[in-house]
Protein backbone atom coordinates (compact mmCIF):
# COMPACT_ATOMS: atom_id res chain seq x y z
CA MET A 1 0.00 0.00 0.00
CA ARG A 2 1.36 3.39 -1.00
CA VAL A 3 0.41 6.26 1.28
CA LEU A 4 0.73 10.01 0.72
CA ILE A 5 0.69 12.04 3.95
CA LEU A 6 0.69 15.84 3.81
CA GLY A 7 1.48 18.35 6.55
CA ASP A 8 -0.72 21.12 7.94
CA VAL A 9 -2.66 22.78 5.10
CA VAL A 10 -2.47 26.56 5.60
CA GLY A 11 -5.27 28.74 4.23
CA ARG A 12 -6.31 29.24 0.62
CA PRO A 13 -2.76 28.86 -0.78
CA GLY A 14 -2.43 25.43 0.83
CA ARG A 15 -5.87 24.34 -0.32
CA SER A 16 -5.15 25.53 -3.87
CA ALA A 17 -1.94 23.51 -3.93
CA ILE A 18 -3.88 20.47 -2.70
CA ARG A 19 -6.51 20.98 -5.40
CA ASP A 20 -3.99 21.29 -8.23
CA LEU A 21 -1.24 18.88 -7.18
CA VAL A 22 -2.79 16.00 -5.24
CA PRO A 23 -4.67 14.39 -8.16
CA ASP A 24 -1.46 14.23 -10.20
CA LEU A 25 0.53 12.92 -7.24
CA ILE A 26 -2.00 10.16 -6.67
CA ARG A 27 -1.72 9.11 -10.32
CA SER A 28 2.03 9.47 -10.78
CA GLU A 29 2.99 7.88 -7.45
CA GLY A 30 0.35 5.15 -7.47
CA ILE A 31 -1.10 6.36 -4.18
CA ASP A 32 -3.71 4.17 -2.48
CA LEU A 33 -4.38 6.38 0.56
CA ALA A 34 -3.93 10.16 0.85
CA ILE A 35 -4.01 11.90 4.25
CA ALA A 36 -3.65 15.61 5.11
CA ASN A 37 -3.83 17.63 8.30
CA ALA A 38 -6.62 20.19 7.88
CA GLU A 39 -6.56 22.18 11.11
CA ASN A 40 -5.27 25.42 9.54
CA SER A 41 -7.00 25.17 6.18
CA ALA A 42 -9.60 27.91 6.73
CA GLY A 43 -7.91 31.30 6.88
CA GLY A 44 -4.84 29.87 8.58
CA MET A 45 -6.62 28.70 11.73
CA GLY A 46 -9.35 26.08 11.96
CA VAL A 47 -11.23 24.19 9.26
CA ASP A 48 -14.69 24.93 7.92
CA ILE A 49 -17.01 22.76 5.85
CA LYS A 50 -16.03 24.37 2.54
CA SER A 51 -12.32 23.79 3.18
CA ALA A 52 -12.82 20.19 4.23
CA GLU A 53 -15.00 19.38 1.23
CA GLU A 54 -12.54 21.04 -1.15
CA MET A 55 -9.67 18.84 0.03
CA LEU A 56 -11.76 15.68 0.03
CA ALA A 57 -12.90 16.47 -3.52
CA ALA A 58 -9.23 16.79 -4.57
CA GLY A 59 -8.64 13.15 -3.64
CA VAL A 60 -7.59 13.32 0.01
CA HIS A 61 -9.18 10.33 1.70
CA VAL A 62 -8.73 11.23 5.38
CA LEU A 63 -8.31 14.61 7.09
CA THR A 64 -6.64 14.78 10.50
CA SER A 65 -6.50 17.90 12.69
CA GLY A 66 -5.30 19.30 16.01
CA ASN A 67 -5.89 21.93 18.66
CA HIS A 68 -7.36 24.44 16.16
CA ILE A 69 -10.14 22.08 15.09
CA TRP A 70 -12.61 23.90 17.37
CA LYS A 71 -12.08 27.41 15.90
CA LYS A 72 -15.00 27.17 13.44
CA LYS A 73 -18.24 26.17 15.19
CA GLU A 74 -19.82 25.06 11.91
CA ILE A 75 -17.44 22.11 11.79
CA TYR A 76 -18.89 20.51 14.93
CA PRO A 77 -21.83 18.74 13.20
CA PHE A 78 -19.58 17.96 10.21
CA LEU A 79 -17.25 16.10 12.58
CA GLU A 80 -20.19 14.04 13.77
CA ASN A 81 -21.45 13.22 10.28
CA ARG A 82 -18.27 12.89 8.21
CA SER A 83 -15.88 10.37 9.71
CA ARG A 84 -13.23 11.21 7.13
CA LEU A 85 -12.42 14.35 9.17
CA ILE A 86 -11.12 13.31 12.57
CA ARG A 87 -9.99 15.27 15.63
CA PRO A 88 -7.49 14.36 18.35
CA ALA A 89 -8.74 11.29 20.18
CA ASN A 90 -7.55 12.43 23.60
CA TYR A 91 -10.05 15.27 24.07
CA PRO A 92 -12.47 14.63 26.95
CA ALA A 93 -15.50 12.42 26.40
CA GLY A 94 -18.36 14.27 24.74
CA ALA A 95 -16.23 16.27 22.29
CA PRO A 96 -17.74 16.22 18.78
CA GLY A 97 -16.44 13.68 16.31
CA GLN A 98 -13.94 10.90 16.86
CA GLY A 99 -10.19 10.46 16.91
CA TRP A 100 -9.86 7.55 14.52
CA VAL A 101 -11.32 6.27 11.27
CA GLU A 102 -11.42 2.81 9.73
CA TRP A 103 -10.59 3.58 6.10
CA ARG A 104 -11.44 1.16 3.32
CA GLY A 105 -10.05 1.62 -0.18
CA GLU A 106 -9.91 -0.18 -3.49
CA ARG A 107 -8.71 -3.79 -3.80
CA GLY A 108 -9.89 -4.45 -0.26
CA LEU A 109 -7.19 -2.25 1.28
CA ARG A 110 -7.78 -1.11 4.84
CA ALA A 111 -6.10 1.21 7.32
CA LEU A 112 -6.79 2.48 10.82
CA VAL A 113 -5.96 6.21 10.92
CA VAL A 114 -5.54 7.71 14.40
CA ASN A 115 -5.16 11.34 15.55
CA VAL A 116 -3.76 12.35 18.96
CA GLN A 117 -2.56 15.65 20.41
CA GLY A 118 0.48 16.28 22.56
CA ARG A 119 0.48 18.08 25.91
CA VAL A 120 3.93 19.69 26.14
CA PHE A 121 3.63 23.44 25.38
CA MET A 122 0.09 22.73 24.15
CA PRO A 123 -3.42 23.36 25.58
CA SER A 124 -3.56 21.21 28.70
CA GLN A 125 -7.18 20.04 28.58
CA VAL A 126 -6.36 16.86 26.67
CA ASP A 127 -5.79 13.43 28.16
CA ASP A 128 -2.57 11.41 27.88
CA PRO A 129 -1.95 10.86 24.13
CA PHE A 130 0.12 7.71 24.74
CA ARG A 131 -2.64 5.96 26.67
CA ALA A 132 -5.23 7.24 24.18
CA ALA A 133 -3.31 5.75 21.24
CA GLU A 134 -2.83 2.48 23.08
CA THR A 135 -6.54 2.25 23.90
CA ILE A 136 -7.53 2.79 20.26
CA LEU A 137 -5.09 0.11 19.12
CA LYS A 138 -6.55 -2.34 21.62
CA GLU A 139 -10.13 -1.56 20.61
CA HIS A 140 -9.74 -1.11 16.83
CA GLY A 141 -6.33 -2.55 15.91
CA GLY A 142 -7.94 -5.73 14.62
CA TYR A 143 -9.50 -3.81 11.74
CA SER A 144 -6.22 -3.67 9.81
CA ARG A 145 -2.54 -4.35 10.22
CA VAL A 146 -1.95 -0.92 8.67
CA VAL A 147 -2.11 1.68 11.44
CA ILE A 148 -1.25 5.33 10.75
CA VAL A 149 -0.92 7.87 13.59
CA ASP A 150 -0.86 11.68 13.43
CA MET A 151 0.87 13.00 16.57
CA HIS A 152 -0.10 16.67 16.59
CA ALA A 153 2.34 18.26 19.03
CA GLU A 154 4.70 21.14 19.67
CA ALA A 155 7.63 19.38 21.34
CA THR A 156 9.91 17.29 19.14
CA SER A 157 10.71 15.10 22.15
CA GLU A 158 7.03 14.18 22.62
CA LYS A 159 6.61 13.34 18.94
CA ILE A 160 9.76 11.23 18.86
CA ALA A 161 8.67 9.46 22.03
CA MET A 162 5.37 8.55 20.37
CA GLY A 163 7.26 7.06 17.44
CA TRP A 164 9.27 4.79 19.73
CA PHE A 165 6.21 4.00 21.87
CA LEU A 166 4.33 2.70 18.82
CA ASP A 167 7.28 1.13 16.98
CA GLY A 168 6.21 -2.27 15.74
CA ARG A 169 2.54 -1.55 16.55
CA ALA A 170 1.90 1.25 14.04
CA SER A 171 2.91 1.30 10.39
CA VAL A 172 3.49 5.07 10.27
CA VAL A 173 3.81 7.70 13.01
CA PHE A 174 4.20 11.30 11.86
CA GLY A 175 4.27 14.66 13.60
CA THR A 176 2.29 17.75 12.67
CA HIS A 177 1.67 21.25 14.12
CA THR A 178 5.05 23.02 13.89
CA HIS A 179 4.89 23.52 10.08
CA VAL A 180 8.65 23.01 9.68
CA GLN A 181 9.65 19.84 7.84
CA THR A 182 12.26 17.79 9.68
CA ALA A 183 14.97 15.72 8.00
CA ASP A 184 14.82 12.69 10.29
CA GLU A 185 12.57 10.36 8.30
CA ARG A 186 13.45 6.73 8.96
CA ILE A 187 12.03 3.28 9.51
CA LEU A 188 12.38 2.32 13.17
CA PRO A 189 13.62 -1.18 14.14
CA GLY A 190 10.10 -2.54 14.62
CA GLY A 191 9.02 -1.51 11.13
CA THR A 192 7.35 1.85 11.85
CA ALA A 193 7.99 4.70 9.40
CA PHE A 194 8.57 7.89 11.39
CA ILE A 195 9.18 11.60 10.85
CA THR A 196 9.08 14.27 13.56
CA ASP A 197 7.19 16.81 11.44
CA LEU A 198 5.85 16.68 7.90
CA GLY A 199 6.09 20.43 7.37
CA MET A 200 3.17 22.34 5.88
CA CYS A 201 1.25 22.79 2.68
CA GLY A 202 1.37 26.52 2.20
CA PRO A 203 3.59 29.56 1.59
CA LEU A 204 7.23 28.95 2.46
CA ASP A 205 8.15 32.67 2.27
CA SER A 206 6.45 33.24 5.61
CA VAL A 207 6.68 32.51 9.30
CA ILE A 208 4.98 29.10 9.49
CA GLY A 209 2.47 30.24 6.87
CA ILE A 210 1.79 33.77 8.12
CA GLU A 211 2.96 37.04 6.53
CA LYS A 212 6.47 37.42 7.89
CA ASP A 213 6.42 41.20 8.46
CA LEU A 214 3.31 40.95 10.63
CA VAL A 215 4.90 38.23 12.75
CA ILE A 216 8.16 40.16 13.13
CA GLU A 217 6.24 43.29 14.17
CA GLY A 218 4.35 41.24 16.71
CA PHE A 219 7.53 39.85 18.22
CA MET A 220 9.13 43.29 18.38
CA SER A 221 6.15 45.19 19.77
CA GLY A 222 4.80 42.54 22.10
CA LEU A 223 1.29 43.68 21.12
CA PRO A 224 -1.56 41.57 19.77
CA ARG A 225 -1.72 41.61 16.00
CA LYS A 226 -4.06 40.14 13.43
CA PHE A 227 -2.19 37.68 11.29
CA GLU A 228 -2.73 37.06 7.57
CA VAL A 229 -1.80 34.00 5.54
CA ALA A 230 1.15 34.65 3.22
CA LYS A 231 0.94 33.91 -0.49
CA GLU A 232 4.44 33.43 -1.91
CA ASN A 233 6.46 30.31 -2.71
CA VAL A 234 3.71 27.78 -2.03
CA ALA A 235 4.54 24.09 -1.78
CA LEU A 236 3.19 20.79 -0.55
CA GLN A 237 5.30 19.06 2.09
CA GLY A 238 4.94 15.59 3.50
CA ILE A 239 5.98 12.00 2.93
CA ILE A 240 5.25 9.06 0.69
CA THR A 241 5.56 5.71 2.39
CA GLU A 242 5.03 2.14 1.26
CA VAL A 243 3.53 -0.30 3.74
CA ASP A 244 3.16 -4.06 3.48
CA GLU A 245 -0.55 -4.46 4.12
CA THR A 246 -0.13 -8.10 5.14
CA THR A 247 2.35 -7.37 7.96
CA GLY A 248 1.73 -3.69 8.65
CA ARG A 249 5.46 -2.97 8.43
CA ALA A 250 6.66 0.06 6.50
CA GLN A 251 9.08 -0.66 3.68
CA THR A 252 10.05 2.83 2.52
CA ILE A 253 9.63 6.45 3.56
CA ARG A 254 10.46 9.48 1.43
CA ARG A 255 10.13 13.18 2.20
CA ILE A 256 8.54 15.33 -0.48
CA ARG A 257 8.34 19.03 -1.24
CA VAL A 258 6.32 19.81 -4.35
CA PRO A 259 6.17 23.45 -5.50
CA TRP A 260 2.87 24.91 -6.66
CA ASN A 261 3.12 27.19 -9.69
CA ARG A 262 0.05 29.44 -9.82
CA GLU A 263 0.67 30.13 -13.50
CA ASP A 264 -0.05 26.46 -14.20
CA ALA A 265 -3.21 26.40 -12.08
């Protein structure tokens, strides 16, 4: 099974790159399952129904998210009704939606996709992501040997720890949230493909997707400032990994950065 996993989609530029590039990537790379983190896809913070539907229509099969999933109230019922958009599983009981999805594709392919959120330097109202991931594996791991986990977290140490914690039990563990692609992709000894952060799908000439001058002014003044999504040098970032669906072990992992040329759109 070949899996395309894309980092945090930032605003309209990120969604446009998804729309124009993902269908070709699926064809050219022989992708069976495409996953993207959607939590910043609407205006740079949160996801609304239009943004989610746009990415799903482009060929993304599963949308994960993170701490910004609650920014747009309209997404609450969508989370309940559309299982292809999931939120971190370790929010308290009663939160809308669910933190996992049992995906089924062509040729009988299956995968369990899980979303958890870290606690270090993050909002503290979530439960332990390690125990949450373990519980989901116990309850739903029998669905497929292919298990894919989005660890949405700030601290690199917490994301790396999750990779080792799930080595041999998950096929792929990847980090999201920090928007900066790391160069540590590898297959761990137990057969789990891991990368600390996928990066983002959005404008690289920015500060993690936001207009750089506004962010610099904010740091220098110390005053609140309304941020705007940048527009220049847009690219998709993420990984392509190949997983043996009979064993659940990853065979390859490759980082990607695909530029989006608006003139070709």
